[in-house]
Structure formats: C-alpha cells, structure tokens
C-alpha cells in the first residue's frame, strides 16, 4: 500500500514537472500576444495622428489664401504641429510615464491650437463659405473622431496587457525570463483638451 502511494506521488510529481513548463510557455506566449496587440493599437494611434498632421499645412494655407487671418493663431497651429511631431514614441517611451505625459501635453497643445483656429474662422464669412475650407473642416472632424477611437482601442489593449502582467503568474513569468515585459502607459488626454474641435458651417 505504501509502495503504491509512493508510486502515485512519483507519477504526480513527474506529471507536474512536465506540465509546469508547458503552462509557463503558454503564459509567456499570452504576454507576448497582448504586448504585440497593444503595439499594433499604438501604431493605429500614430497613423490617425499622422493624418491630422498632414491636414494641418493644407488648412493653414487655405486660411492664409482666403482671409487676412490672425497671424498669431496660424503661427500657434504651425508651432504646435512642429512640437507634436518632434516627440517620437518608441517602445521604451510607451512604458515611461514622463515621456507619455510630454507626448499628451504636445497633442493637447495642438488640439487646442486647432480649436482656436476653427473658432476664429467664424469671424470670416468668405472663409466659412470656401469649399476648400469646408472640406478640410470635415476631414479634420473625421480625423479627430478616428483619433478618439484609436486611443480608446489602444487603452483597452493596454488594460488587458497590464492586467495579465500584473497577475501572479504574469509576474512569475516576467521574473523567470529576466523582466522583458514592462507595464505600458495609457494615452490619457488632458480634461481641457478632451473635446473634439467643433466644426460649424
């Protein structure tokens, strides 16, 4: 009876020794998958932000051509665009709270400058009537909505990844593999800049 019990214990331990690495591999693969999903969602954010960057020069030139617009407003938009595009968010930056804060502040400045430009355009009937300006406003509004959706999808992917990483098994796998995984930062817009620029004709 004792020998049989010992044999069962030995078999159980052997099975455990075989199964644990497989479970560990599965958990590691899950972290990799969630990290890659978050990376892909960030690429979507960058693509939508690039669309905004690309629209701005055309918007500025259209305003210049259609009205004696406030020089300071146009300069503010141009500068804010330059500042926003100067910040490069690589994989390491996405895990750095200070770098993400710097990025968010630059995006908020750009969004605010665009909002002020659109509000100021209300003073210029000829500009508001311009088909080129109307078209750019529509494109800008659509782009802002895409940015919002992309940001939400990125934050959702980050939540899933960070949760998996924060669990006991995620921490154990991360420690056992030399800590290759780091929590990602959320893309949180500042409250004052959270609203999409209003577009009215």
Foldseek 3Di string as FASTA:
>chain_A
DVVVVVVVVVVVVVVVVVVVVVVLVVLVVVLVVLLVQLVVLVVLLVVLVVLLLVLLVLLLVLDVVFDPADPVLNVQLVVLSVLLVVQDQDPVLQQPPVSLVSNLVSVLSNQVSVLVVQVRCVVPPRSLPDPSNLVSLVSLLVSLVSSVVSLVSSQVSLVVSVVSCPDPSNVVSCVVVVNPDGRGDRNDHDPVRPDHRDHDD
